[in-house]
PDB file of N, CA and C in Angstrom:
ATOM      1  N   UNK A   1      -5.573 -17.995 -29.250  1.00  0.00           N
ATOM      2  CA  UNK A   1      -4.656 -17.096 -28.889  1.00  0.00           C
ATOM      3  C   UNK A   1      -5.551 -17.753 -27.492  1.00  0.00           C
ATOM      4  N   UNK A   2      -4.375 -17.376 -26.405  1.00  0.00           N
ATOM      5  CA  UNK A   2      -4.563 -17.680 -25.794  1.00  0.00           C
ATOM      6  C   UNK A   2      -3.989 -16.208 -24.455  1.00  0.00           C
ATOM      7  N   UNK A   3      -4.624 -15.710 -24.082  1.00  0.00           N
ATOM      8  CA  UNK A   3      -4.503 -14.215 -23.268  1.00  0.00           C
ATOM      9  C   UNK A   3      -5.384 -14.749 -21.779  1.00  0.00           C
ATOM     10  N   UNK A   4      -3.539 -15.227 -21.256  1.00  0.00           N
ATOM     11  CA  UNK A   4      -3.494 -15.293 -19.525  1.00  0.00           C
ATOM     12  C   UNK A   4      -2.696 -14.947 -19.570  1.00  0.00           C
ATOM     13  N   UNK A   5      -3.291 -13.967 -18.529  1.00  0.00           N
ATOM     14  CA  UNK A   5      -2.780 -12.043 -18.241  1.00  0.00           C
ATOM     15  C   UNK A   5      -1.973 -12.105 -16.735  1.00  0.00           C
ATOM     16  N   UNK A   6      -1.094 -12.416 -16.483  1.00  0.00           N
ATOM     17  CA  UNK A   6      -0.922 -12.431 -14.790  1.00  0.00           C
ATOM     18  C   UNK A   6      -1.183 -11.077 -13.818  1.00  0.00           C
ATOM     19  N   UNK A   7      -1.967 -11.027 -13.202  1.00  0.00           N
ATOM     20  CA  UNK A   7      -3.073  -9.943 -13.244  1.00  0.00           C
ATOM     21  C   UNK A   7      -1.943  -9.685 -11.589  1.00  0.00           C
ATOM     22  N   UNK A   8      -1.848 -10.787 -10.550  1.00  0.00           N
ATOM     23  CA  UNK A   8      -0.409 -10.684  -9.905  1.00  0.00           C
ATOM     24  C   UNK A   8       1.150  -9.090  -9.971  1.00  0.00           C
ATOM     25  N   UNK A   9       1.125  -9.068 -11.290  1.00  0.00           N
ATOM     26  CA  UNK A   9       2.685  -8.470 -11.194  1.00  0.00           C
ATOM     27  C   UNK A   9       1.632  -6.757 -11.411  1.00  0.00           C
ATOM     28  N   UNK A  10       0.613  -7.347 -11.957  1.00  0.00           N
ATOM     29  CA  UNK A  10      -0.712  -6.051 -12.243  1.00  0.00           C
ATOM     30  C   UNK A  10      -0.195  -5.190 -10.928  1.00  0.00           C
ATOM     31  N   UNK A  11      -1.327  -6.439 -10.051  1.00  0.00           N
ATOM     32  CA  UNK A  11      -1.016  -5.389  -8.521  1.00  0.00           C
ATOM     33  C   UNK A  11       0.494  -5.523  -8.181  1.00  0.00           C
ATOM     34  N   UNK A  12       1.153  -5.796  -8.104  1.00  0.00           N
ATOM     35  CA  UNK A  12       2.391  -5.641  -7.824  1.00  0.00           C
ATOM     36  C   UNK A  12       2.885  -4.220  -7.900  1.00  0.00           C
ATOM     37  N   UNK A  13       2.680  -4.025  -9.508  1.00  0.00           N
ATOM     38  CA  UNK A  13       3.368  -2.717  -9.815  1.00  0.00           C
ATOM     39  C   UNK A  13       2.220  -1.405  -9.393  1.00  0.00           C
ATOM     40  N   UNK A  14       0.730  -1.571  -8.910  1.00  0.00           N
ATOM     41  CA  UNK A  14       0.639  -0.833  -8.380  1.00  0.00           C
ATOM     42  C   UNK A  14       0.576  -0.214  -7.189  1.00  0.00           C
ATOM     43  N   UNK A  15       1.175  -1.827  -6.297  1.00  0.00           N
ATOM     44  CA  UNK A  15       1.400  -0.958  -4.993  1.00  0.00           C
ATOM     45  C   UNK A  15       2.212  -0.475  -4.979  1.00  0.00           C
ATOM     46  N   UNK A  16       3.291  -0.921  -6.055  1.00  0.00           N
ATOM     47  CA  UNK A  16       4.547   0.450  -5.643  1.00  0.00           C
ATOM     48  C   UNK A  16       4.033   1.422  -6.182  1.00  0.00           C
ATOM     49  N   UNK A  17       3.412   2.069  -7.014  1.00  0.00           N
ATOM     50  CA  UNK A  17       3.458   2.807  -7.284  1.00  0.00           C
ATOM     51  C   UNK A  17       2.225   3.413  -6.100  1.00  0.00           C
ATOM     52  N   UNK A  18       2.233   3.288  -5.811  1.00  0.00           N
ATOM     53  CA  UNK A  18       0.811   3.733  -4.351  1.00  0.00           C
ATOM     54  C   UNK A  18       2.112   4.153  -3.324  1.00  0.00           C
ATOM     55  N   UNK A  19       2.927   3.268  -2.895  1.00  0.00           N
ATOM     56  CA  UNK A  19       3.660   3.634  -2.100  1.00  0.00           C
ATOM     57  C   UNK A  19       4.944   4.505  -2.552  1.00  0.00           C
ATOM     58  N   UNK A  20       5.259   4.604  -3.993  1.00  0.00           N
ATOM     59  CA  UNK A  20       6.083   5.748  -4.393  1.00  0.00           C
ATOM     60  C   UNK A  20       5.320   7.290  -4.048  1.00  0.00           C
ATOM     61  N   UNK A  21       3.690   7.320  -4.827  1.00  0.00           N
ATOM     62  CA  UNK A  21       2.885   8.263  -4.387  1.00  0.00           C
ATOM     63  C   UNK A  21       2.598   9.176  -2.788  1.00  0.00           C
ATOM     64  N   UNK A  22       2.183   8.085  -1.801  1.00  0.00           N
ATOM     65  CA  UNK A  22       2.556   7.982  -0.206  1.00  0.00           C
ATOM     66  C   UNK A  22       3.697   8.771   0.518  1.00  0.00           C
ATOM     67  N   UNK A  23       4.628   7.812  -0.202  1.00  0.00           N
ATOM     68  CA  UNK A  23       6.047   8.653  -0.217  1.00  0.00           C
ATOM     69  C   UNK A  23       5.831  10.182  -0.038  1.00  0.00           C
ATOM     70  N   UNK A  24       5.993  10.399  -1.269  1.00  0.00           N
ATOM     71  CA  UNK A  24       6.548  11.886  -2.116  1.00  0.00           C
ATOM     72  C   UNK A  24       5.481  13.042  -1.577  1.00  0.00           C
ATOM     73  N   UNK A  25       3.632  11.814  -1.723  1.00  0.00           N
ATOM     74  CA  UNK A  25       2.560  13.415  -0.863  1.00  0.00           C
ATOM     75  C   UNK A  25       2.765  13.381   0.600  1.00  0.00           C
ATOM     76  N   UNK A  26       3.551  12.736   1.306  1.00  0.00           N
ATOM     77  CA  UNK A  26       3.432  12.874   2.524  1.00  0.00           C
ATOM     78  C   UNK A  26       4.873  12.642   3.433  1.00  0.00           C
ATOM     79  N   UNK A  27       5.924  12.299   2.365  1.00  0.00           N
ATOM     80  CA  UNK A  27       7.152  12.493   2.728  1.00  0.00           C
ATOM     81  C   UNK A  27       7.942  13.830   3.802  1.00  0.00           C
ATOM     82  N   UNK A  28       7.479  14.725   4.045  1.00  0.00           N
ATOM     83  CA  UNK A  28       7.233  16.150   4.662  1.00  0.00           C
ATOM     84  C   UNK A  28       6.591  16.120   5.860  1.00  0.00           C
ATOM     85  N   UNK A  29       5.693  15.301   6.285  1.00  0.00           N
ATOM     86  CA  UNK A  29       4.947  15.038   7.602  1.00  0.00           C
ATOM     87  C   UNK A  29       5.531  13.864   8.438  1.00  0.00           C
ATOM     88  N   UNK A  30       5.849  12.896   7.781  1.00  0.00           N
ATOM     89  CA  UNK A  30       6.432  11.743   8.779  1.00  0.00           C
ATOM     90  C   UNK A  30       7.739  11.326   7.659  1.00  0.00           C
ATOM     91  N   UNK A  31       9.009  10.477   8.447  1.00  0.00           N
ATOM     92  CA  UNK A  31       9.863  10.041   7.764  1.00  0.00           C
ATOM     93  C   UNK A  31       9.201   9.153   6.712  1.00  0.00           C
ATOM     94  N   UNK A  32      10.049   8.822   6.076  1.00  0.00           N
ATOM     95  CA  UNK A  32       9.565   7.772   4.571  1.00  0.00           C
ATOM     96  C   UNK A  32       9.926   6.300   5.075  1.00  0.00           C
ATOM     97  N   UNK A  33      10.328   6.580   6.109  1.00  0.00           N
ATOM     98  CA  UNK A  33      10.283   4.549   6.584  1.00  0.00           C
ATOM     99  C   UNK A  33       9.593   4.418   7.477  1.00  0.00           C
ATOM    100  N   UNK A  34       8.804   5.249   8.105  1.00  0.00           N
ATOM    101  CA  UNK A  34       7.181   4.847   9.162  1.00  0.00           C
ATOM    102  C   UNK A  34       6.544   4.333   8.146  1.00  0.00           C
ATOM    103  N   UNK A  35       6.185   5.203   6.732  1.00  0.00           N
ATOM    104  CA  UNK A  35       5.488   5.677   5.467  1.00  0.00           C
ATOM    105  C   UNK A  35       5.732   3.756   5.070  1.00  0.00           C
ATOM    106  N   UNK A  36       6.846   3.755   4.738  1.00  0.00           N
ATOM    107  CA  UNK A  36       7.000   1.809   4.126  1.00  0.00           C
ATOM    108  C   UNK A  36       7.172   1.207   4.846  1.00  0.00           C
ATOM    109  N   UNK A  37       7.252   0.961   5.898  1.00  0.00           N
ATOM    110  CA  UNK A  37       7.732   0.226   6.973  1.00  0.00           C
ATOM    111  C   UNK A  37       5.868   0.006   7.068  1.00  0.00           C
ATOM    112  N   UNK A  38       4.853   0.926   7.801  1.00  0.00           N
ATOM    113  CA  UNK A  38       3.606   0.322   7.789  1.00  0.00           C
ATOM    114  C   UNK A  38       2.989   0.160   6.542  1.00  0.00           C
ATOM    115  N   UNK A  39       3.428   1.294   5.491  1.00  0.00           N
ATOM    116  CA  UNK A  39       2.209  -0.061   4.180  1.00  0.00           C
ATOM    117  C   UNK A  39       2.410  -0.984   4.439  1.00  0.00           C
ATOM    118  N   UNK A  40       3.849  -1.652   4.501  1.00  0.00           N
ATOM    119  CA  UNK A  40       4.630  -3.049   4.534  1.00  0.00           C
ATOM    120  C   UNK A  40       3.453  -4.101   5.087  1.00  0.00           C
ATOM    121  N   UNK A  41       3.118  -3.372   6.470  1.00  0.00           N
ATOM    122  CA  UNK A  41       2.875  -3.955   7.463  1.00  0.00           C
ATOM    123  C   UNK A  41       1.418  -4.355   6.832  1.00  0.00           C
ATOM    124  N   UNK A  42       0.709  -2.832   6.160  1.00  0.00           N
ATOM    125  CA  UNK A  42      -0.957  -3.036   5.678  1.00  0.00           C
ATOM    126  C   UNK A  42      -0.619  -3.930   4.959  1.00  0.00           C
ATOM    127  N   UNK A  43       0.135  -3.889   3.604  1.00  0.00           N
ATOM    128  CA  UNK A  43       0.241  -4.823   2.390  1.00  0.00           C
ATOM    129  C   UNK A  43       0.006  -5.971   2.936  1.00  0.00           C
ATOM    130  N   UNK A  44       0.808  -6.572   3.596  1.00  0.00           N
ATOM    131  CA  UNK A  44       0.569  -7.918   4.549  1.00  0.00           C
ATOM    132  C   UNK A  44      -0.614  -8.300   4.775  1.00  0.00           C
ATOM    133  N   UNK A  45      -1.146  -7.523   6.158  1.00  0.00           N
ATOM    134  CA  UNK A  45      -2.285  -8.002   6.409  1.00  0.00           C
ATOM    135  C   UNK A  45      -3.673  -8.017   5.543  1.00  0.00           C
ATOM    136  N   UNK A  46      -3.316  -6.809   4.319  1.00  0.00           N
ATOM    137  CA  UNK A  46      -4.631  -7.326   2.983  1.00  0.00           C
ATOM    138  C   UNK A  46      -4.309  -8.571   2.633  1.00  0.00           C
ATOM    139  N   UNK A  47      -3.394  -8.840   2.420  1.00  0.00           N
ATOM    140  CA  UNK A  47      -2.909 -10.034   1.418  1.00  0.00           C
ATOM    141  C   UNK A  47      -3.582 -11.164   2.178  1.00  0.00           C
ATOM    142  N   UNK A  48      -2.918 -11.907   3.466  1.00  0.00           N
ATOM    143  CA  UNK A  48      -3.443 -12.728   3.965  1.00  0.00           C
ATOM    144  C   UNK A  48      -4.847 -12.714   4.072  1.00  0.00           C
ATOM    145  N   UNK A  49      -5.949 -11.601   4.071  1.00  0.00           N
ATOM    146  CA  UNK A  49      -7.087 -11.566   4.564  1.00  0.00           C
ATOM    147  C   UNK A  49      -8.013 -11.674   3.240  1.00  0.00           C
ATOM    148  N   UNK A  50      -7.106 -11.441   1.408  1.00  0.00           N
ATOM    149  CA  UNK A  50      -7.814 -11.216   0.424  1.00  0.00           C
ATOM    150  C   UNK A  50      -9.037 -12.045   0.238  1.00  0.00           C
ATOM    151  N   UNK A  51     -10.079 -12.303  -0.078  1.00  0.00           N
ATOM    152  CA  UNK A  51     -10.326 -13.037  -0.646  1.00  0.00           C
ATOM    153  C   UNK A  51     -10.464 -12.698  -2.000  1.00  0.00           C
ATOM    154  N   UNK A  52     -10.661 -11.552  -2.446  1.00  0.00           N
ATOM    155  CA  UNK A  52     -10.388 -10.960  -4.348  1.00  0.00           C
ATOM    156  C   UNK A  52      -9.032 -10.040  -4.430  1.00  0.00           C
ATOM    157  N   UNK A  53      -8.560 -10.957  -4.753  1.00  0.00           N
ATOM    158  CA  UNK A  53      -6.777 -10.393  -4.336  1.00  0.00           C
ATOM    159  C   UNK A  53      -6.410  -8.683  -5.277  1.00  0.00           C
ATOM    160  N   UNK A  54      -7.766  -8.859  -6.140  1.00  0.00           N
ATOM    161  CA  UNK A  54      -7.762  -7.379  -7.266  1.00  0.00           C
ATOM    162  C   UNK A  54      -7.600  -6.557  -6.217  1.00  0.00           C
ATOM    163  N   UNK A  55      -8.754  -6.337  -5.104  1.00  0.00           N
ATOM    164  CA  UNK A  55      -8.995  -5.042  -4.879  1.00  0.00           C
ATOM    165  C   UNK A  55      -7.855  -4.460  -3.661  1.00  0.00           C
ATOM    166  N   UNK A  56      -6.864  -5.744  -3.601  1.00  0.00           N
ATOM    167  CA  UNK A  56      -5.978  -5.645  -2.403  1.00  0.00           C
ATOM    168  C   UNK A  56      -5.078  -3.407  -2.737  1.00  0.00           C
ATOM    169  N   UNK A  57      -4.803  -3.596  -3.516  1.00  0.00           N
ATOM    170  CA  UNK A  57      -4.193  -1.748  -3.807  1.00  0.00           C
ATOM    171  C   UNK A  57      -4.877  -0.987  -3.165  1.00  0.00           C
ATOM    172  N   UNK A  58      -5.971  -1.298  -3.517  1.00  0.00           N
ATOM    173  CA  UNK A  58      -6.888  -0.429  -3.256  1.00  0.00           C
ATOM    174  C   UNK A  58      -7.290  -0.134  -1.831  1.00  0.00           C
ATOM    175  N   UNK A  59      -7.411  -1.479  -1.126  1.00  0.00           N
ATOM    176  CA  UNK A  59      -7.969  -1.370   0.084  1.00  0.00           C
ATOM    177  C   UNK A  59      -6.317  -0.864   0.702  1.00  0.00           C
ATOM    178  N   UNK A  60      -5.624  -1.338   0.310  1.00  0.00           N
ATOM    179  CA  UNK A  60      -3.933  -0.862   0.848  1.00  0.00           C
ATOM    180  C   UNK A  60      -4.163   1.068   0.998  1.00  0.00           C
ATOM    181  N   UNK A  61      -4.030   1.044  -0.296  1.00  0.00           N
ATOM    182  CA  UNK A  61      -4.273   2.690  -0.287  1.00  0.00           C
ATOM    183  C   UNK A  61      -5.264   3.415   0.739  1.00  0.00           C
ATOM    184  N   UNK A  62      -6.496   3.004   0.963  1.00  0.00           N
ATOM    185  CA  UNK A  62      -7.616   3.468   1.717  1.00  0.00           C
ATOM    186  C   UNK A  62      -6.988   3.402   2.802  1.00  0.00           C
ATOM    187  N   UNK A  63      -6.486   2.301   3.714  1.00  0.00           N
ATOM    188  CA  UNK A  63      -5.705   2.316   5.223  1.00  0.00           C
ATOM    189  C   UNK A  63      -5.056   3.517   4.673  1.00  0.00           C
ATOM    190  N   UNK A  64      -4.219   3.473   4.377  1.00  0.00           N
ATOM    191  CA  UNK A  64      -3.191   3.743   4.387  1.00  0.00           C
ATOM    192  C   UNK A  64      -3.333   5.502   3.813  1.00  0.00           C
ATOM    193  N   UNK A  65      -3.823   5.922   3.502  1.00  0.00           N
ATOM    194  CA  UNK A  65      -4.601   7.485   3.197  1.00  0.00           C
ATOM    195  C   UNK A  65      -4.954   8.146   4.623  1.00  0.00           C
ATOM    196  N   UNK A  66      -5.742   7.155   5.418  1.00  0.00           N
ATOM    197  CA  UNK A  66      -6.287   6.933   6.939  1.00  0.00           C
ATOM    198  C   UNK A  66      -5.638   7.018   7.596  1.00  0.00           C
ATOM    199  N   UNK A  67      -4.523   6.315   8.329  1.00  0.00           N
ATOM    200  CA  UNK A  67      -3.855   6.392   8.838  1.00  0.00           C
ATOM    201  C   UNK A  67      -2.759   7.457   8.924  1.00  0.00           C
ATOM    202  N   UNK A  68      -2.413   8.028   8.049  1.00  0.00           N
ATOM    203  CA  UNK A  68      -1.603   9.712   7.553  1.00  0.00           C
ATOM    204  C   UNK A  68      -2.818  10.022   7.729  1.00  0.00           C
ATOM    205  N   UNK A  69      -3.290  10.319   7.487  1.00  0.00           N
ATOM    206  CA  UNK A  69      -4.830  11.109   8.665  1.00  0.00           C
ATOM    207  C   UNK A  69      -5.054  11.259   9.389  1.00  0.00           C
ATOM    208  N   UNK A  70      -4.329   9.991  10.457  1.00  0.00           N
ATOM    209  CA  UNK A  70      -4.554  10.583  11.605  1.00  0.00           C
ATOM    210  C   UNK A  70      -3.713   9.803  12.053  1.00  0.00           C
ATOM    211  N   UNK A  71      -2.464  10.097  12.169  1.00  0.00           N
ATOM    212  CA  UNK A  71      -1.024   9.940  12.100  1.00  0.00           C
ATOM    213  C   UNK A  71      -1.050   8.418  13.210  1.00  0.00           C
ATOM    214  N   UNK A  72      -1.062   7.726  12.334  1.00  0.00           N
ATOM    215  CA  UNK A  72      -1.686   6.692  13.134  1.00  0.00           C
ATOM    216  C   UNK A  72      -0.236   5.214  12.488  1.00  0.00           C
ATOM    217  N   UNK A  73       1.233   5.257  12.319  1.00  0.00           N
ATOM    218  CA  UNK A  73       2.253   5.022  11.366  1.00  0.00           C
ATOM    219  C   UNK A  73       2.793   4.383  12.393  1.00  0.00           C
ATOM    220  N   UNK A  74       3.573   3.378  11.721  1.00  0.00           N
ATOM    221  CA  UNK A  74       4.826   2.572  12.949  1.00  0.00           C
ATOM    222  C   UNK A  74       5.803   3.306  13.001  1.00  0.00           C
ATOM    223  N   UNK A  75       6.667   3.557  14.112  1.00  0.00           N
ATOM    224  CA  UNK A  75       7.525   3.908  13.636  1.00  0.00           C
ATOM    225  C   UNK A  75       7.713   5.556  14.091  1.00  0.00           C
ATOM    226  N   UNK A  76       6.650   6.231  13.839  1.00  0.00           N
ATOM    227  CA  UNK A  76       6.295   7.502  13.361  1.00  0.00           C
ATOM    228  C   UNK A  76       6.816   8.110  14.667  1.00  0.00           C
ATOM    229  N   UNK A  77       6.898   9.563  15.210  1.00  0.00           N
ATOM    230  CA  UNK A  77       6.713   9.846  16.527  1.00  0.00           C
ATOM    231  C   UNK A  77       6.363  11.102  16.942  1.00  0.00           C
TER     232      UNK A  77
END
């Protein structure tokens, strides 16, 4: 029996869900485009530097929440 699980699919689904949740939670405070643009930047930065890719969704979510709390978004006025 071969149990080769492609965890990249699980990570991408987690990242998609995190993005959607952040837009839903913070969409009344910031434009969705600003949240998504910043999310893409943060995700790319973490994926580029990742030693253990399984932690990327957790790290992206934590950084995004901090940026949202401190109004540190790209394209936000």
